[in-house]
N, C-alpha and C. Protein backbone atom coordinates (compact mmCIF):
# COMPACT_ATOMS: atom_id res chain seq x y z
N UNK A 1 -15.02 113.59 129.09
CA UNK A 1 -14.60 114.93 128.72
C UNK A 1 -15.81 115.84 128.52
N UNK A 2 -16.85 115.30 127.91
CA UNK A 2 -18.03 116.13 127.63
C UNK A 2 -18.72 116.58 128.90
N UNK A 3 -18.68 115.73 129.93
CA UNK A 3 -19.28 116.11 131.21
C UNK A 3 -18.51 117.27 131.83
N UNK A 4 -17.18 117.22 131.73
CA UNK A 4 -16.35 118.31 132.26
C UNK A 4 -16.58 119.60 131.50
N UNK A 5 -16.67 119.50 130.18
CA UNK A 5 -16.92 120.70 129.37
C UNK A 5 -18.30 121.26 129.69
N UNK A 6 -19.28 120.38 129.88
CA UNK A 6 -20.63 120.83 130.25
C UNK A 6 -20.62 121.54 131.60
N UNK A 7 -19.88 120.99 132.56
CA UNK A 7 -19.78 121.63 133.87
C UNK A 7 -19.10 122.99 133.76
N UNK A 8 -18.06 123.07 132.93
CA UNK A 8 -17.37 124.35 132.72
C UNK A 8 -18.31 125.37 132.08
N UNK A 9 -19.08 124.93 131.09
CA UNK A 9 -20.02 125.84 130.44
C UNK A 9 -21.09 126.32 131.42
N UNK A 10 -21.49 125.46 132.34
CA UNK A 10 -22.46 125.85 133.37
C UNK A 10 -21.87 126.95 134.25
N UNK A 11 -20.60 126.78 134.63
CA UNK A 11 -19.93 127.81 135.44
C UNK A 11 -19.84 129.11 134.65
N UNK A 12 -19.45 129.00 133.38
CA UNK A 12 -19.32 130.18 132.53
C UNK A 12 -20.67 130.87 132.34
N UNK A 13 -21.75 130.11 132.30
CA UNK A 13 -23.08 130.70 132.19
C UNK A 13 -23.36 131.60 133.40
N UNK A 14 -23.05 131.11 134.59
CA UNK A 14 -23.27 131.91 135.80
C UNK A 14 -22.33 133.11 135.86
N UNK A 15 -21.09 132.91 135.41
CA UNK A 15 -20.17 134.04 135.32
C UNK A 15 -20.72 135.06 134.35
N UNK A 16 -21.30 134.58 133.26
CA UNK A 16 -21.90 135.48 132.27
C UNK A 16 -23.04 136.30 132.87
N UNK A 17 -23.80 135.70 133.77
CA UNK A 17 -24.89 136.44 134.43
C UNK A 17 -24.31 137.57 135.27
N UNK A 18 -23.25 137.27 136.01
CA UNK A 18 -22.61 138.30 136.84
C UNK A 18 -22.00 139.38 135.95
N UNK A 19 -21.29 138.96 134.90
CA UNK A 19 -20.69 139.94 133.99
C UNK A 19 -21.76 140.77 133.29
N UNK A 20 -22.89 140.14 132.96
CA UNK A 20 -23.98 140.87 132.33
C UNK A 20 -24.54 141.97 133.22
N UNK A 21 -24.71 141.65 134.50
CA UNK A 21 -25.18 142.66 135.45
C UNK A 21 -24.18 143.80 135.59
N UNK A 22 -22.90 143.44 135.65
CA UNK A 22 -21.87 144.48 135.74
C UNK A 22 -21.84 145.33 134.48
N UNK A 23 -22.04 144.69 133.33
CA UNK A 23 -22.07 145.42 132.07
C UNK A 23 -23.23 146.41 132.03
N UNK A 24 -24.39 145.98 132.49
CA UNK A 24 -25.56 146.87 132.50
C UNK A 24 -25.29 148.08 133.40
N UNK A 25 -24.75 147.83 134.60
CA UNK A 25 -24.45 148.93 135.52
C UNK A 25 -23.42 149.86 134.90
N UNK A 26 -22.35 149.30 134.38
CA UNK A 26 -21.28 150.09 133.77
C UNK A 26 -21.80 150.92 132.60
N UNK A 27 -22.57 150.29 131.73
CA UNK A 27 -23.07 150.98 130.55
C UNK A 27 -24.06 152.08 130.92
N UNK A 28 -25.02 151.75 131.78
CA UNK A 28 -26.01 152.76 132.17
C UNK A 28 -25.37 153.96 132.85
N UNK A 29 -24.48 153.68 133.80
CA UNK A 29 -23.83 154.78 134.51
C UNK A 29 -22.99 155.63 133.56
N UNK A 30 -22.24 154.96 132.69
CA UNK A 30 -21.40 155.69 131.75
C UNK A 30 -22.20 156.54 130.79
N UNK A 31 -23.25 155.99 130.24
CA UNK A 31 -24.07 156.72 129.27
C UNK A 31 -24.76 157.90 129.95
N UNK A 32 -25.38 157.65 131.08
CA UNK A 32 -26.11 158.72 131.77
C UNK A 32 -25.16 159.83 132.19
N UNK A 33 -24.00 159.46 132.75
CA UNK A 33 -23.04 160.47 133.20
C UNK A 33 -22.49 161.28 132.04
N UNK A 34 -22.01 160.60 131.00
CA UNK A 34 -21.38 161.29 129.88
C UNK A 34 -22.37 162.17 129.11
N UNK A 35 -23.58 161.68 128.91
CA UNK A 35 -24.59 162.48 128.21
C UNK A 35 -25.08 163.61 129.11
N UNK A 36 -25.30 163.31 130.39
CA UNK A 36 -25.78 164.33 131.33
C UNK A 36 -24.79 165.46 131.55
N UNK A 37 -23.51 165.15 131.56
CA UNK A 37 -22.47 166.17 131.75
C UNK A 37 -22.13 166.89 130.46
N UNK A 38 -22.70 166.46 129.38
CA UNK A 38 -22.44 167.09 128.09
C UNK A 38 -21.09 166.73 127.50
N UNK A 39 -20.47 165.68 128.01
CA UNK A 39 -19.17 165.25 127.49
C UNK A 39 -19.31 164.58 126.13
N UNK A 40 -20.43 163.93 125.91
CA UNK A 40 -20.66 163.21 124.66
C UNK A 40 -22.14 163.28 124.32
N UNK A 41 -22.41 163.10 123.03
CA UNK A 41 -23.80 162.95 122.61
C UNK A 41 -24.11 161.46 122.57
N UNK A 42 -25.37 161.13 122.81
CA UNK A 42 -25.75 159.72 122.80
C UNK A 42 -25.59 159.15 121.40
N UNK A 43 -24.99 157.96 121.33
CA UNK A 43 -24.77 157.31 120.04
C UNK A 43 -25.13 155.83 120.16
N UNK A 44 -26.11 155.42 119.37
CA UNK A 44 -26.48 154.00 119.34
C UNK A 44 -25.31 153.16 118.87
N UNK A 45 -24.56 153.68 117.91
CA UNK A 45 -23.42 152.95 117.36
C UNK A 45 -22.39 152.67 118.46
N UNK A 46 -22.08 153.68 119.24
CA UNK A 46 -21.09 153.51 120.32
C UNK A 46 -21.62 152.55 121.39
N UNK A 47 -22.90 152.66 121.71
CA UNK A 47 -23.50 151.77 122.70
C UNK A 47 -23.45 150.32 122.23
N UNK A 48 -23.83 150.08 120.98
CA UNK A 48 -23.81 148.73 120.44
C UNK A 48 -22.39 148.19 120.30
N UNK A 49 -21.42 149.06 119.99
CA UNK A 49 -20.02 148.63 119.93
C UNK A 49 -19.53 148.19 121.31
N UNK A 50 -19.92 148.92 122.34
CA UNK A 50 -19.54 148.56 123.71
C UNK A 50 -20.14 147.23 124.12
N UNK A 51 -21.40 147.02 123.79
CA UNK A 51 -22.05 145.75 124.11
C UNK A 51 -21.41 144.63 123.31
N UNK A 52 -21.08 144.90 122.04
CA UNK A 52 -20.41 143.89 121.20
C UNK A 52 -19.05 143.49 121.76
N UNK A 53 -18.29 144.47 122.24
CA UNK A 53 -16.98 144.18 122.85
C UNK A 53 -17.16 143.31 124.09
N UNK A 54 -18.16 143.63 124.90
CA UNK A 54 -18.40 142.85 126.11
C UNK A 54 -18.79 141.41 125.76
N UNK A 55 -19.62 141.24 124.73
CA UNK A 55 -20.00 139.89 124.30
C UNK A 55 -18.80 139.12 123.76
N UNK A 56 -17.96 139.79 122.99
CA UNK A 56 -16.75 139.15 122.47
C UNK A 56 -15.84 138.73 123.62
N UNK A 57 -15.71 139.57 124.62
CA UNK A 57 -14.91 139.27 125.80
C UNK A 57 -15.46 138.03 126.50
N UNK A 58 -16.78 137.98 126.67
CA UNK A 58 -17.42 136.84 127.34
C UNK A 58 -17.21 135.55 126.56
N UNK A 59 -17.37 135.60 125.24
CA UNK A 59 -17.16 134.42 124.40
C UNK A 59 -15.71 133.94 124.51
N UNK A 60 -14.77 134.87 124.50
CA UNK A 60 -13.35 134.51 124.62
C UNK A 60 -13.06 133.87 125.97
N UNK A 61 -13.64 134.39 127.03
CA UNK A 61 -13.48 133.79 128.36
C UNK A 61 -14.02 132.36 128.35
N UNK A 62 -15.18 132.17 127.75
CA UNK A 62 -15.77 130.83 127.66
C UNK A 62 -14.91 129.86 126.88
N UNK A 63 -14.41 130.29 125.73
CA UNK A 63 -13.57 129.42 124.91
C UNK A 63 -12.26 129.07 125.61
N UNK A 64 -11.66 130.05 126.26
CA UNK A 64 -10.42 129.79 126.99
C UNK A 64 -10.66 128.83 128.15
N UNK A 65 -11.77 128.95 128.81
CA UNK A 65 -12.10 128.03 129.90
C UNK A 65 -12.29 126.61 129.38
N UNK A 66 -12.94 126.47 128.23
CA UNK A 66 -13.11 125.15 127.62
C UNK A 66 -11.75 124.56 127.25
N UNK A 67 -10.86 125.40 126.71
CA UNK A 67 -9.52 124.93 126.35
C UNK A 67 -8.78 124.39 127.57
N UNK A 68 -8.85 125.11 128.69
CA UNK A 68 -8.19 124.64 129.90
C UNK A 68 -8.85 123.39 130.47
N UNK A 69 -10.16 123.26 130.27
CA UNK A 69 -10.85 122.06 130.72
C UNK A 69 -10.39 120.84 129.94
N UNK A 70 -10.05 121.03 128.68
CA UNK A 70 -9.64 119.91 127.82
C UNK A 70 -8.20 119.44 128.07
N UNK A 71 -7.39 120.25 128.74
CA UNK A 71 -5.98 119.89 128.96
C UNK A 71 -5.77 118.50 129.57
N UNK A 72 -6.44 118.15 130.66
CA UNK A 72 -6.21 116.82 131.24
C UNK A 72 -6.57 115.69 130.27
N UNK A 73 -7.61 115.89 129.48
CA UNK A 73 -8.03 114.85 128.54
C UNK A 73 -7.04 114.71 127.38
N UNK A 74 -6.51 115.84 126.92
CA UNK A 74 -5.48 115.80 125.87
C UNK A 74 -4.25 115.09 126.40
N UNK A 75 -3.88 115.38 127.64
CA UNK A 75 -2.73 114.71 128.26
C UNK A 75 -2.96 113.19 128.31
N UNK A 76 -4.15 112.77 128.66
CA UNK A 76 -4.46 111.34 128.71
C UNK A 76 -4.35 110.70 127.32
N UNK A 77 -4.77 111.43 126.28
CA UNK A 77 -4.64 110.92 124.92
C UNK A 77 -3.18 110.78 124.51
N UNK A 78 -2.35 111.75 124.89
CA UNK A 78 -0.93 111.70 124.57
C UNK A 78 -0.29 110.50 125.25
N UNK A 79 -0.66 110.26 126.52
CA UNK A 79 -0.12 109.11 127.25
C UNK A 79 -0.54 107.82 126.56
N UNK A 80 -1.79 107.75 126.14
CA UNK A 80 -2.31 106.54 125.50
C UNK A 80 -1.62 106.27 124.16
N UNK A 81 -1.41 107.30 123.37
CA UNK A 81 -0.84 107.13 122.04
C UNK A 81 0.68 106.99 122.07
N UNK A 82 1.34 107.86 122.83
CA UNK A 82 2.80 107.90 122.80
C UNK A 82 3.47 107.29 124.03
N UNK A 83 2.68 107.05 125.07
CA UNK A 83 3.24 106.48 126.29
C UNK A 83 4.07 107.47 127.10
N UNK A 84 3.91 108.73 126.82
CA UNK A 84 4.67 109.78 127.53
C UNK A 84 3.67 110.69 128.24
N UNK A 85 3.91 110.91 129.52
CA UNK A 85 3.04 111.80 130.29
C UNK A 85 3.67 113.18 130.33
N UNK A 86 2.98 114.18 129.79
CA UNK A 86 3.49 115.54 129.78
C UNK A 86 3.55 116.11 131.19
N UNK A 87 2.45 116.06 131.85
CA UNK A 87 2.34 116.45 133.25
C UNK A 87 1.41 115.45 133.92
N UNK A 88 1.57 115.30 135.22
CA UNK A 88 0.71 114.34 135.91
C UNK A 88 -0.74 114.84 135.90
N UNK A 89 -1.66 113.90 135.95
CA UNK A 89 -3.09 114.26 135.91
C UNK A 89 -3.50 115.18 137.04
N UNK A 90 -3.04 114.94 138.29
CA UNK A 90 -3.43 115.88 139.36
C UNK A 90 -2.92 117.31 139.10
N UNK A 91 -1.73 117.42 138.54
CA UNK A 91 -1.19 118.76 138.24
C UNK A 91 -2.03 119.43 137.17
N UNK A 92 -2.38 118.69 136.11
CA UNK A 92 -3.20 119.27 135.05
C UNK A 92 -4.60 119.60 135.52
N UNK A 93 -5.18 118.75 136.37
CA UNK A 93 -6.51 119.04 136.92
C UNK A 93 -6.47 120.33 137.74
N UNK A 94 -5.43 120.47 138.55
CA UNK A 94 -5.27 121.67 139.36
C UNK A 94 -5.05 122.90 138.48
N UNK A 95 -4.19 122.77 137.49
CA UNK A 95 -3.92 123.87 136.56
C UNK A 95 -5.20 124.27 135.83
N UNK A 96 -5.95 123.29 135.39
CA UNK A 96 -7.19 123.56 134.67
C UNK A 96 -8.19 124.32 135.56
N UNK A 97 -8.37 123.82 136.77
CA UNK A 97 -9.31 124.46 137.71
C UNK A 97 -8.85 125.86 138.08
N UNK A 98 -7.56 126.01 138.39
CA UNK A 98 -7.04 127.32 138.76
C UNK A 98 -7.15 128.31 137.60
N UNK A 99 -6.90 127.84 136.39
CA UNK A 99 -6.99 128.73 135.23
C UNK A 99 -8.42 129.20 135.01
N UNK A 100 -9.38 128.28 135.11
CA UNK A 100 -10.78 128.65 134.89
C UNK A 100 -11.24 129.66 135.93
N UNK A 101 -10.94 129.38 137.20
CA UNK A 101 -11.37 130.31 138.24
C UNK A 101 -10.56 131.60 138.22
N UNK A 102 -9.31 131.52 137.78
CA UNK A 102 -8.51 132.73 137.62
C UNK A 102 -9.07 133.63 136.53
N UNK A 103 -9.45 133.03 135.43
CA UNK A 103 -10.06 133.79 134.33
C UNK A 103 -11.37 134.42 134.80
N UNK A 104 -12.17 133.63 135.50
CA UNK A 104 -13.45 134.14 136.00
C UNK A 104 -13.26 135.29 136.97
N UNK A 105 -12.34 135.12 137.90
CA UNK A 105 -12.08 136.17 138.89
C UNK A 105 -11.56 137.44 138.22
N UNK A 106 -10.68 137.28 137.24
CA UNK A 106 -10.14 138.45 136.54
C UNK A 106 -11.24 139.18 135.77
N UNK A 107 -12.07 138.42 135.08
CA UNK A 107 -13.15 139.04 134.30
C UNK A 107 -14.12 139.79 135.19
N UNK A 108 -14.52 139.15 136.27
CA UNK A 108 -15.47 139.79 137.19
C UNK A 108 -14.85 141.00 137.86
N UNK A 109 -13.57 140.91 138.21
CA UNK A 109 -12.89 142.03 138.86
C UNK A 109 -12.78 143.23 137.93
N UNK A 110 -12.36 142.98 136.69
CA UNK A 110 -12.20 144.08 135.73
C UNK A 110 -13.53 144.76 135.46
N UNK A 111 -14.56 143.98 135.17
CA UNK A 111 -15.87 144.57 134.88
C UNK A 111 -16.48 145.21 136.13
N UNK A 112 -16.27 144.58 137.29
CA UNK A 112 -16.78 145.14 138.54
C UNK A 112 -16.14 146.48 138.86
N UNK A 113 -14.83 146.58 138.62
CA UNK A 113 -14.11 147.84 138.86
C UNK A 113 -14.69 148.93 137.97
N UNK A 114 -14.93 148.61 136.70
CA UNK A 114 -15.50 149.60 135.79
C UNK A 114 -16.90 150.02 136.24
N UNK A 115 -17.68 149.05 136.70
CA UNK A 115 -19.04 149.37 137.16
C UNK A 115 -19.01 150.26 138.39
N UNK A 116 -18.10 149.97 139.33
CA UNK A 116 -17.98 150.80 140.53
C UNK A 116 -17.52 152.21 140.16
N UNK A 117 -16.55 152.31 139.26
CA UNK A 117 -16.10 153.63 138.80
C UNK A 117 -17.25 154.39 138.15
N UNK A 118 -18.09 153.69 137.40
CA UNK A 118 -19.25 154.33 136.78
C UNK A 118 -20.22 154.85 137.81
N UNK A 119 -20.43 154.09 138.88
CA UNK A 119 -21.33 154.54 139.95
C UNK A 119 -20.76 155.78 140.62
N UNK A 120 -19.45 155.76 140.90
CA UNK A 120 -18.82 156.93 141.52
C UNK A 120 -18.88 158.14 140.59
N UNK A 121 -18.66 157.93 139.31
CA UNK A 121 -18.74 159.04 138.36
C UNK A 121 -20.15 159.59 138.31
N UNK A 122 -21.10 158.69 138.31
CA UNK A 122 -22.50 159.11 138.26
C UNK A 122 -22.86 159.91 139.50
N UNK A 123 -22.32 159.52 140.62
CA UNK A 123 -22.58 160.25 141.86
C UNK A 123 -21.70 161.49 141.98
N UNK A 124 -20.91 161.76 140.93
CA UNK A 124 -19.99 162.90 140.88
C UNK A 124 -19.02 162.88 142.04
N UNK A 125 -18.56 161.68 142.32
CA UNK A 125 -17.54 161.51 143.34
C UNK A 125 -16.31 160.95 142.66
N UNK A 126 -15.16 161.28 143.17
CA UNK A 126 -13.97 160.65 142.65
C UNK A 126 -13.37 159.78 143.75
N UNK A 127 -12.72 158.74 143.36
CA UNK A 127 -12.15 157.83 144.35
C UNK A 127 -11.09 158.50 145.20
N UNK A 128 -10.44 159.52 144.68
CA UNK A 128 -9.39 160.21 145.42
C UNK A 128 -9.92 161.20 146.44
N UNK A 129 -11.17 161.56 146.37
CA UNK A 129 -11.73 162.56 147.28
C UNK A 129 -12.64 161.95 148.34
N UNK A 130 -12.34 160.77 148.77
CA UNK A 130 -13.16 160.14 149.79
C UNK A 130 -12.57 160.33 151.18
N UNK A 131 -11.92 161.48 151.41
CA UNK A 131 -11.33 161.76 152.70
C UNK A 131 -12.41 162.16 153.68
N UNK A 132 -12.13 161.97 154.95
CA UNK A 132 -13.09 162.40 155.95
C UNK A 132 -12.93 163.91 156.15
N UNK A 133 -14.02 164.54 156.41
CA UNK A 133 -14.04 165.98 156.58
C UNK A 133 -13.71 166.32 158.03
N UNK A 134 -12.83 167.29 158.22
CA UNK A 134 -12.48 167.72 159.57
C UNK A 134 -13.48 168.78 160.02
N UNK A 135 -13.94 168.62 161.23
CA UNK A 135 -14.88 169.61 161.80
C UNK A 135 -14.12 170.40 162.83
N UNK A 136 -14.12 171.70 162.64
CA UNK A 136 -13.40 172.57 163.56
C UNK A 136 -14.41 173.23 164.48
N UNK A 137 -14.04 173.36 165.75
CA UNK A 137 -14.86 174.09 166.70
C UNK A 137 -14.48 175.54 166.66
N UNK A 138 -15.45 176.39 166.44
CA UNK A 138 -15.20 177.83 166.48
C UNK A 138 -15.78 178.36 167.78
N UNK A 139 -14.94 179.01 168.53
CA UNK A 139 -15.43 179.60 169.77
C UNK A 139 -15.93 180.99 169.46
N UNK A 140 -17.08 181.31 170.00
CA UNK A 140 -17.66 182.63 169.72
C UNK A 140 -17.43 183.56 170.85
């Protein structure tokens, strides 16, 4: 079990690196855009709260991934003690793996979307105005 949890933590560490990069992009773009446009004044408190929320999110993702990693082992203990199999081991292994990668994909997607929106905001572009421009020929 400890080897599986260690492997899960290794995956979560790399996910954390990706999420950290997305957080930096999202935070920098948001702060620069909002302060530059005069929408908000710079606040260390707000910046640290945002970073704290991101860290709490990352810790929760890690803990949930560990919980899903432990499912097959808990099932094996239940079988050993009570002689009843809740779900088959292959099903639990698949559920555990799918849950971990699902959580990772969701976390990266949500933070990535925010980072991309921050880049577009910083570039003063909106996602709805990415139409191609029509060029008209004027005859003189």
